N, C-alpha and C. Protein backbone atom coordinates (compact mmCIF):
# COMPACT_ATOMS: atom_id res chain seq x y z
N UNK A 1 153.28 -17.60 105.84
CA UNK A 1 154.07 -18.46 104.97
C UNK A 1 153.51 -18.30 103.66
N UNK A 2 154.46 -17.95 102.70
CA UNK A 2 153.96 -17.82 101.32
C UNK A 2 154.38 -19.00 100.34
N UNK A 3 153.42 -19.18 99.43
CA UNK A 3 153.75 -20.30 98.55
C UNK A 3 154.73 -19.91 97.54
N UNK A 4 155.68 -20.91 97.21
CA UNK A 4 156.63 -20.61 96.10
C UNK A 4 155.90 -20.87 94.79
N UNK A 5 156.52 -20.26 93.63
CA UNK A 5 155.84 -20.39 92.38
C UNK A 5 155.65 -21.90 91.96
N UNK A 6 156.52 -22.75 92.57
CA UNK A 6 156.22 -24.18 92.20
C UNK A 6 155.05 -24.81 92.90
N UNK A 7 154.64 -24.22 93.97
CA UNK A 7 153.50 -24.60 94.75
C UNK A 7 152.09 -24.21 94.20
N UNK A 8 152.23 -23.13 93.32
CA UNK A 8 150.99 -22.62 92.76
C UNK A 8 150.39 -23.53 91.85
N UNK A 9 149.03 -23.80 91.93
CA UNK A 9 148.30 -24.73 91.17
C UNK A 9 147.38 -23.92 90.27
N UNK A 10 147.64 -23.76 88.94
CA UNK A 10 146.70 -23.14 88.12
C UNK A 10 145.78 -24.17 87.39
N UNK A 11 144.60 -23.74 87.17
CA UNK A 11 143.71 -24.66 86.47
C UNK A 11 142.69 -23.52 85.69
N UNK A 12 141.93 -24.22 84.77
CA UNK A 12 140.96 -23.31 84.04
C UNK A 12 139.69 -23.27 84.90
N UNK A 13 139.18 -22.11 85.15
CA UNK A 13 137.97 -21.93 85.84
C UNK A 13 136.92 -21.37 84.80
N UNK A 14 135.76 -21.84 84.87
CA UNK A 14 134.65 -21.40 83.97
C UNK A 14 133.56 -20.76 84.81
N UNK A 15 133.47 -19.28 84.71
CA UNK A 15 132.67 -18.61 85.62
C UNK A 15 131.47 -18.20 85.01
N UNK A 16 130.40 -18.27 85.88
CA UNK A 16 129.03 -17.83 85.51
C UNK A 16 128.68 -16.76 86.58
N UNK A 17 128.67 -15.56 86.09
CA UNK A 17 128.40 -14.47 87.11
C UNK A 17 126.89 -14.00 86.93
N UNK A 18 126.09 -13.90 87.95
CA UNK A 18 124.81 -13.63 87.88
C UNK A 18 124.36 -12.35 88.83
N UNK A 19 123.69 -11.42 88.38
CA UNK A 19 123.28 -10.47 89.34
C UNK A 19 121.76 -10.07 89.01
N UNK A 20 121.12 -9.67 90.12
CA UNK A 20 119.75 -9.28 89.99
C UNK A 20 119.66 -7.79 89.49
N UNK A 21 118.98 -7.44 88.52
CA UNK A 21 118.88 -6.16 88.05
C UNK A 21 118.00 -5.31 88.97
N UNK A 22 118.51 -4.12 89.26
CA UNK A 22 117.68 -3.19 90.23
C UNK A 22 117.64 -3.62 91.69
N UNK A 23 118.53 -4.50 92.08
CA UNK A 23 118.59 -5.02 93.43
C UNK A 23 118.52 -4.04 94.50
N UNK A 24 119.31 -3.01 94.29
CA UNK A 24 119.57 -1.99 95.33
C UNK A 24 118.30 -1.12 95.55
N UNK A 25 117.44 -1.05 94.58
CA UNK A 25 116.15 -0.30 94.51
C UNK A 25 115.04 -0.93 95.17
N UNK A 26 115.14 -2.38 95.35
CA UNK A 26 114.20 -3.08 95.99
C UNK A 26 114.08 -2.91 97.56
N UNK A 27 112.89 -3.17 98.07
CA UNK A 27 112.67 -3.21 99.50
C UNK A 27 113.49 -4.36 100.12
N UNK A 28 113.91 -4.23 101.42
CA UNK A 28 114.73 -5.26 101.90
C UNK A 28 113.97 -6.67 101.80
N UNK A 29 112.75 -6.69 102.10
CA UNK A 29 112.02 -8.03 101.95
C UNK A 29 111.94 -8.50 100.60
N UNK A 30 111.87 -7.63 99.61
CA UNK A 30 111.91 -7.98 98.28
C UNK A 30 113.24 -8.54 97.84
N UNK A 31 114.34 -7.94 98.31
CA UNK A 31 115.70 -8.34 98.02
C UNK A 31 115.88 -9.80 98.52
N UNK A 32 115.42 -10.06 99.77
CA UNK A 32 115.48 -11.32 100.34
C UNK A 32 114.76 -12.42 99.48
N UNK A 33 113.47 -11.97 99.17
CA UNK A 33 112.66 -12.93 98.35
C UNK A 33 113.27 -13.29 97.00
N UNK A 34 113.70 -12.28 96.30
CA UNK A 34 114.34 -12.47 95.01
C UNK A 34 115.73 -13.22 95.18
N UNK A 35 116.37 -13.04 96.13
CA UNK A 35 117.73 -13.68 96.24
C UNK A 35 117.46 -15.18 96.58
N UNK A 36 116.47 -15.41 97.39
CA UNK A 36 116.05 -16.89 97.70
C UNK A 36 115.59 -17.53 96.54
N UNK A 37 114.64 -16.91 95.63
CA UNK A 37 114.22 -17.49 94.46
C UNK A 37 115.38 -17.89 93.56
N UNK A 38 116.41 -16.89 93.45
CA UNK A 38 117.47 -16.98 92.56
C UNK A 38 118.34 -18.25 92.94
N UNK A 39 118.59 -18.34 94.31
CA UNK A 39 119.39 -19.39 94.81
C UNK A 39 118.67 -20.81 94.51
N UNK A 40 117.38 -20.84 94.78
CA UNK A 40 116.64 -22.02 94.42
C UNK A 40 116.70 -22.47 92.96
N UNK A 41 116.66 -21.58 92.11
CA UNK A 41 116.73 -21.84 90.70
C UNK A 41 118.04 -22.35 90.28
N UNK A 42 119.14 -21.53 90.88
CA UNK A 42 120.50 -22.02 90.53
C UNK A 42 120.80 -23.40 91.08
N UNK A 43 120.40 -23.65 92.33
CA UNK A 43 120.77 -25.01 93.04
C UNK A 43 120.09 -26.10 92.21
N UNK A 44 118.89 -25.83 91.64
CA UNK A 44 118.17 -26.90 90.94
C UNK A 44 118.75 -27.20 89.52
N UNK A 45 119.55 -26.44 89.09
CA UNK A 45 120.10 -26.71 87.71
C UNK A 45 120.94 -28.16 87.69
N UNK A 46 120.86 -28.76 86.68
CA UNK A 46 121.57 -30.05 86.52
C UNK A 46 123.04 -29.80 86.58
N UNK A 47 123.52 -28.68 86.01
CA UNK A 47 125.13 -28.43 85.94
C UNK A 47 125.55 -28.10 87.37
N UNK A 48 124.89 -27.45 88.12
CA UNK A 48 125.24 -27.24 89.48
C UNK A 48 125.27 -28.38 90.37
N UNK A 49 124.32 -29.25 90.14
CA UNK A 49 124.18 -30.47 90.88
C UNK A 49 125.29 -31.39 90.51
N UNK A 50 125.63 -31.46 89.32
CA UNK A 50 126.75 -32.41 88.84
C UNK A 50 128.08 -31.91 89.25
N UNK A 51 128.43 -30.63 89.05
CA UNK A 51 129.63 -30.06 89.52
C UNK A 51 129.86 -30.22 90.92
N UNK A 52 128.76 -29.95 91.72
CA UNK A 52 128.79 -29.96 93.11
C UNK A 52 129.12 -31.48 93.70
N UNK A 53 128.54 -32.32 93.06
CA UNK A 53 128.62 -33.74 93.31
C UNK A 53 130.16 -34.21 93.19
N UNK A 54 130.73 -33.62 92.13
CA UNK A 54 132.13 -33.87 91.89
C UNK A 54 133.14 -33.05 92.65
N UNK A 55 132.58 -32.17 93.59
CA UNK A 55 133.42 -31.22 94.28
C UNK A 55 134.14 -30.11 93.34
N UNK A 56 133.55 -29.78 92.22
CA UNK A 56 134.06 -28.95 91.25
C UNK A 56 133.26 -27.70 91.06
N UNK A 57 132.62 -27.21 92.07
CA UNK A 57 131.84 -25.91 91.99
C UNK A 57 132.06 -25.11 93.22
N UNK A 58 132.41 -23.92 92.93
CA UNK A 58 132.57 -22.94 94.04
C UNK A 58 131.53 -21.83 93.84
N UNK A 59 130.74 -21.51 94.92
CA UNK A 59 129.79 -20.50 94.86
C UNK A 59 130.33 -19.32 95.58
N UNK A 60 130.24 -18.12 94.97
CA UNK A 60 130.79 -16.90 95.63
C UNK A 60 129.54 -15.77 95.71
N UNK A 61 128.97 -15.61 96.79
CA UNK A 61 128.03 -14.60 96.85
C UNK A 61 128.50 -13.15 96.57
N UNK A 62 127.78 -12.40 96.00
CA UNK A 62 128.21 -10.94 95.74
C UNK A 62 127.30 -9.90 96.18
N UNK A 63 126.30 -10.31 96.99
CA UNK A 63 125.42 -9.25 97.44
C UNK A 63 124.21 -9.27 96.59
N UNK A 64 124.24 -8.94 95.40
CA UNK A 64 123.04 -8.90 94.51
C UNK A 64 123.01 -9.96 93.49
N UNK A 65 123.78 -10.97 93.83
CA UNK A 65 123.77 -12.16 93.06
C UNK A 65 124.84 -13.16 93.32
N UNK A 66 125.74 -13.67 92.41
CA UNK A 66 126.75 -14.50 92.75
C UNK A 66 127.56 -14.92 91.56
N UNK A 67 128.77 -15.56 91.87
CA UNK A 67 129.50 -16.11 90.83
C UNK A 67 129.58 -17.61 91.04
N UNK A 68 129.43 -18.34 90.06
CA UNK A 68 129.63 -19.83 90.13
C UNK A 68 130.84 -20.10 89.34
N UNK A 69 131.83 -20.77 89.97
CA UNK A 69 133.06 -21.26 89.30
C UNK A 69 133.00 -22.61 89.08
N UNK A 70 132.97 -23.08 87.91
CA UNK A 70 132.94 -24.49 87.45
C UNK A 70 134.45 -24.89 87.24
N UNK A 71 134.71 -25.93 87.70
CA UNK A 71 136.18 -26.48 87.34
C UNK A 71 135.93 -27.84 86.72
N UNK A 72 134.83 -27.94 85.78
CA UNK A 72 134.66 -29.06 85.05
C UNK A 72 134.89 -28.88 83.59
N UNK A 73 134.05 -28.39 82.73
CA UNK A 73 134.25 -28.23 81.40
C UNK A 73 133.72 -26.79 80.96
N UNK A 74 134.14 -26.23 79.77
CA UNK A 74 133.68 -24.99 79.39
C UNK A 74 132.20 -24.87 79.04
N UNK A 75 131.60 -26.06 78.82
CA UNK A 75 130.09 -26.00 78.48
C UNK A 75 129.24 -25.79 79.86
N UNK A 76 129.77 -26.03 80.97
CA UNK A 76 128.96 -26.10 82.19
C UNK A 76 128.29 -24.62 82.51
N UNK A 77 129.08 -23.47 82.39
CA UNK A 77 128.42 -22.30 82.67
C UNK A 77 127.39 -21.88 81.69
N UNK A 78 127.66 -22.38 80.38
CA UNK A 78 126.70 -22.02 79.27
C UNK A 78 125.41 -22.76 79.51
N UNK A 79 125.53 -23.97 79.72
CA UNK A 79 124.33 -24.84 80.05
C UNK A 79 123.57 -24.43 81.21
N UNK A 80 124.23 -24.09 82.30
CA UNK A 80 123.75 -23.60 83.43
C UNK A 80 122.90 -22.33 83.23
N UNK A 81 123.48 -21.41 82.52
CA UNK A 81 122.82 -20.15 82.11
C UNK A 81 121.59 -20.32 81.34
N UNK A 82 121.71 -21.34 80.51
CA UNK A 82 120.38 -21.71 79.64
C UNK A 82 119.35 -22.25 80.56
N UNK A 83 119.73 -23.20 81.47
CA UNK A 83 118.69 -23.71 82.50
C UNK A 83 118.13 -22.64 83.23
N UNK A 84 118.99 -21.76 83.82
CA UNK A 84 118.51 -20.58 84.53
C UNK A 84 117.41 -19.75 83.77
N UNK A 85 117.86 -19.47 82.50
CA UNK A 85 117.09 -18.62 81.62
C UNK A 85 115.70 -19.26 81.41
N UNK A 86 115.68 -20.52 81.15
CA UNK A 86 114.48 -21.23 80.93
C UNK A 86 113.55 -21.17 82.20
N UNK A 87 114.09 -21.24 83.36
CA UNK A 87 113.36 -21.27 84.61
C UNK A 87 112.91 -19.87 84.89
N UNK A 88 113.67 -18.89 84.59
CA UNK A 88 113.20 -17.43 84.82
C UNK A 88 112.06 -17.03 84.08
N UNK A 89 111.65 -17.76 82.99
CA UNK A 89 110.39 -17.53 82.34
C UNK A 89 109.23 -17.69 83.34
N UNK A 90 109.27 -18.54 84.28
CA UNK A 90 108.27 -18.71 85.26
C UNK A 90 108.38 -17.70 86.41
N UNK A 91 109.21 -16.81 86.37
CA UNK A 91 109.45 -15.86 87.37
C UNK A 91 109.79 -14.45 86.85
N UNK A 92 108.71 -13.78 86.15
CA UNK A 92 109.01 -12.53 85.48
C UNK A 92 109.42 -11.45 86.37
N UNK A 93 109.04 -11.51 87.67
CA UNK A 93 109.36 -10.51 88.58
C UNK A 93 110.99 -10.48 88.93
N UNK A 94 111.61 -11.61 88.57
CA UNK A 94 113.05 -11.71 88.80
C UNK A 94 113.72 -11.46 87.53
N UNK A 95 114.47 -10.32 87.48
CA UNK A 95 115.27 -9.92 86.22
C UNK A 95 116.71 -10.08 86.61
N UNK A 96 117.46 -10.76 85.75
CA UNK A 96 118.87 -10.93 85.98
C UNK A 96 119.69 -10.71 84.86
N UNK A 97 121.00 -10.57 84.97
CA UNK A 97 121.96 -10.45 84.02
C UNK A 97 122.97 -11.60 84.28
N UNK A 98 123.52 -12.22 83.22
CA UNK A 98 124.58 -13.27 83.41
C UNK A 98 125.66 -12.97 82.53
N UNK A 99 126.90 -13.29 82.99
CA UNK A 99 128.08 -13.29 82.28
C UNK A 99 128.80 -14.45 82.39
N UNK A 100 129.60 -14.90 81.30
CA UNK A 100 130.44 -16.14 81.41
C UNK A 100 131.85 -15.86 80.87
N UNK A 101 132.75 -16.36 81.51
CA UNK A 101 134.16 -16.19 81.09
C UNK A 101 134.92 -17.44 81.63
N UNK A 102 135.93 -17.85 80.83
CA UNK A 102 136.76 -18.95 81.16
C UNK A 102 138.28 -18.36 81.15
N UNK A 103 139.06 -18.84 82.14
CA UNK A 103 140.52 -18.62 81.99
C UNK A 103 141.20 -19.22 83.22
N UNK A 104 142.58 -19.04 83.14
CA UNK A 104 143.36 -19.65 84.25
C UNK A 104 143.10 -18.95 85.56
N UNK A 105 142.99 -19.69 86.57
CA UNK A 105 142.85 -19.23 87.92
C UNK A 105 143.84 -19.97 88.86
N UNK A 106 144.18 -19.30 89.89
CA UNK A 106 145.06 -19.86 90.89
C UNK A 106 144.07 -20.36 91.91
N UNK A 107 144.06 -21.71 92.17
CA UNK A 107 143.01 -22.31 92.99
C UNK A 107 143.03 -21.62 94.35
N UNK A 108 144.00 -21.15 94.94
CA UNK A 108 143.98 -20.55 96.32
C UNK A 108 143.52 -19.02 96.17
N UNK A 109 143.98 -18.22 95.20
CA UNK A 109 143.66 -16.92 95.31
C UNK A 109 142.56 -16.37 94.36
N UNK A 110 142.59 -16.72 93.16
CA UNK A 110 141.67 -16.28 92.11
C UNK A 110 140.27 -16.79 92.24
N UNK A 111 140.16 -17.93 92.72
CA UNK A 111 138.83 -18.50 92.99
C UNK A 111 137.98 -17.69 93.92
N UNK A 112 138.58 -17.05 94.81
CA UNK A 112 137.95 -16.09 95.76
C UNK A 112 137.82 -14.74 95.22
N UNK A 113 138.73 -14.22 94.58
CA UNK A 113 138.65 -12.83 93.89
C UNK A 113 139.84 -12.73 93.08
N UNK A 114 139.54 -12.77 91.71
CA UNK A 114 140.54 -12.78 90.74
C UNK A 114 140.17 -12.24 89.41
N UNK A 115 140.96 -12.18 88.48
CA UNK A 115 140.71 -11.61 87.14
C UNK A 115 139.59 -12.21 86.46
N UNK A 116 139.29 -13.50 86.46
CA UNK A 116 138.26 -14.09 85.72
C UNK A 116 136.87 -13.81 86.37
N UNK A 117 136.84 -13.66 87.65
CA UNK A 117 135.60 -13.08 88.27
C UNK A 117 135.41 -11.64 87.83
N UNK A 118 136.34 -10.85 87.89
CA UNK A 118 136.26 -9.41 87.53
C UNK A 118 135.86 -9.23 85.94
N UNK A 119 136.35 -10.13 85.09
CA UNK A 119 136.04 -10.03 83.67
C UNK A 119 134.49 -10.35 83.55
N UNK A 120 133.99 -11.38 84.16
CA UNK A 120 132.54 -11.61 84.07
C UNK A 120 131.68 -10.71 84.55
N UNK A 121 132.18 -10.11 85.76
CA UNK A 121 131.25 -9.07 86.41
C UNK A 121 131.16 -7.83 85.60
N UNK A 122 132.41 -7.38 85.03
CA UNK A 122 132.42 -6.22 84.27
C UNK A 122 131.51 -6.33 82.97
N UNK A 123 131.62 -7.44 82.36
CA UNK A 123 130.87 -7.77 81.20
C UNK A 123 129.44 -7.81 81.41
N UNK A 124 129.15 -8.49 82.54
CA UNK A 124 127.72 -8.58 82.99
C UNK A 124 127.01 -7.20 83.22
N UNK A 125 127.70 -6.36 84.00
CA UNK A 125 127.21 -5.04 84.37
C UNK A 125 126.93 -4.13 83.21
N UNK A 126 127.50 -4.48 82.00
CA UNK A 126 127.30 -3.65 80.92
C UNK A 126 126.13 -3.99 80.06
N UNK A 127 125.50 -5.08 80.32
CA UNK A 127 124.45 -5.58 79.46
C UNK A 127 123.01 -5.39 80.09
N UNK A 128 122.18 -5.55 79.14
CA UNK A 128 120.74 -5.50 79.42
C UNK A 128 120.19 -6.68 80.21
N UNK A 129 118.92 -6.62 80.71
CA UNK A 129 118.38 -7.77 81.36
C UNK A 129 118.25 -8.92 80.36
N UNK A 130 118.15 -10.18 80.83
CA UNK A 130 117.81 -11.27 80.06
C UNK A 130 118.94 -11.56 78.88
N UNK A 131 120.11 -10.97 79.05
CA UNK A 131 121.07 -11.23 78.06
C UNK A 131 122.21 -12.02 78.78
N UNK A 132 122.86 -13.04 78.17
CA UNK A 132 123.90 -13.84 78.70
C UNK A 132 125.12 -13.32 77.93
N UNK A 133 126.20 -12.90 78.56
CA UNK A 133 127.36 -12.39 77.93
C UNK A 133 128.43 -13.47 78.01
N UNK A 134 129.14 -13.51 76.87
CA UNK A 134 130.21 -14.45 76.91
C UNK A 134 131.45 -13.94 76.14
N UNK A 135 132.57 -14.47 76.34
CA UNK A 135 133.74 -13.90 75.61
C UNK A 135 133.87 -14.59 74.20
N UNK A 136 134.48 -13.88 73.33
CA UNK A 136 134.34 -13.98 71.92
C UNK A 136 134.75 -15.53 71.47
N UNK A 137 135.62 -16.09 72.10
CA UNK A 137 136.22 -17.33 71.73
C UNK A 137 135.10 -18.52 71.93
N UNK A 138 134.05 -18.30 72.64
CA UNK A 138 132.96 -19.26 72.87
C UNK A 138 131.86 -19.12 71.86
N UNK A 139 131.97 -18.37 70.97
CA UNK A 139 130.73 -18.22 70.11
C UNK A 139 130.46 -19.34 69.22
N UNK A 140 131.30 -20.20 68.76
CA UNK A 140 131.03 -21.37 67.89
C UNK A 140 130.17 -22.34 68.85
N UNK A 141 130.66 -22.58 70.05
CA UNK A 141 129.96 -23.45 70.94
C UNK A 141 128.55 -22.93 71.26
N UNK A 142 128.52 -21.66 71.54
CA UNK A 142 127.12 -21.08 71.76
C UNK A 142 126.14 -21.14 70.63
N UNK A 143 126.72 -20.91 69.43
CA UNK A 143 125.95 -20.94 68.29
C UNK A 143 125.27 -22.32 68.06
N UNK A 144 126.08 -23.35 68.33
CA UNK A 144 125.66 -24.76 68.17
C UNK A 144 124.58 -25.04 69.26
N UNK A 145 124.80 -24.56 70.49
CA UNK A 145 123.88 -24.71 71.57
C UNK A 145 122.46 -24.12 71.23
N UNK A 146 122.62 -22.91 70.67
CA UNK A 146 121.36 -22.21 70.28
C UNK A 146 120.48 -22.93 69.21
N UNK A 147 121.32 -23.59 68.29
CA UNK A 147 120.52 -24.26 67.16
C UNK A 147 119.93 -25.54 67.89
N UNK A 148 120.66 -26.19 68.70
CA UNK A 148 120.24 -27.41 69.23
C UNK A 148 119.03 -27.34 70.32
N UNK A 149 119.09 -26.23 71.03
CA UNK A 149 118.12 -26.08 72.05
C UNK A 149 117.06 -25.01 71.82
N UNK A 150 117.14 -24.53 70.48
CA UNK A 150 116.27 -23.35 70.16
C UNK A 150 116.21 -22.26 71.25
N UNK A 151 117.40 -21.99 71.70
CA UNK A 151 117.54 -20.96 72.80
C UNK A 151 117.69 -19.60 72.23
N UNK A 152 117.32 -18.62 73.07
CA UNK A 152 117.43 -17.13 72.67
C UNK A 152 118.98 -16.93 72.32
N UNK A 153 119.21 -16.02 71.35
CA UNK A 153 120.58 -15.53 71.01
C UNK A 153 121.37 -15.02 72.17
N UNK A 154 122.68 -15.30 72.28
CA UNK A 154 123.49 -14.90 73.20
C UNK A 154 124.46 -13.80 72.59
N UNK A 155 124.78 -12.76 73.36
CA UNK A 155 125.74 -11.67 72.90
C UNK A 155 127.05 -11.99 73.32
N UNK A 156 128.03 -11.54 72.62
CA UNK A 156 129.43 -11.55 72.82
C UNK A 156 129.93 -10.23 73.08
N UNK A 157 130.88 -10.11 74.03
CA UNK A 157 131.64 -8.96 74.36
C UNK A 157 133.07 -9.16 73.96
N UNK A 158 133.84 -8.12 73.50
CA UNK A 158 135.23 -8.13 73.26
C UNK A 158 136.05 -7.95 74.38
N UNK A 159 137.07 -8.75 74.73
CA UNK A 159 137.85 -8.51 75.82
C UNK A 159 138.90 -7.45 75.55
């Protein structure tokens, strides 16, 4: 049974894509340890806890990391990435890349595998360790966050 176009529910998804740098080169036990540490860091972030409590967070494992789809506000993945970056200072052995993207998603199909996940993943794969990638339209918000939080600069990629 296929859904008609009137049954399709589009909403804006705000995706934070995270991957562990050099994951495939790690020993299996190191992969497990680093993945467990990353999961604990992510779960402890205020943004994840808030979105999850509202039923507005979808976690998608990717093997060497994951994608977090926030269906709350555009600031959520940025704030989450900043929280993760701060905690990663206590785990120098864990090197990650993060990408952020927002766009329309189909609640049924795109949240599992769709263009916004792919945009974040592609942008993330092209960046160096400890850089958070965002699309160009978010730069004003990010610049403000950097000033307020004294956070490290964030890079933008052109779509």
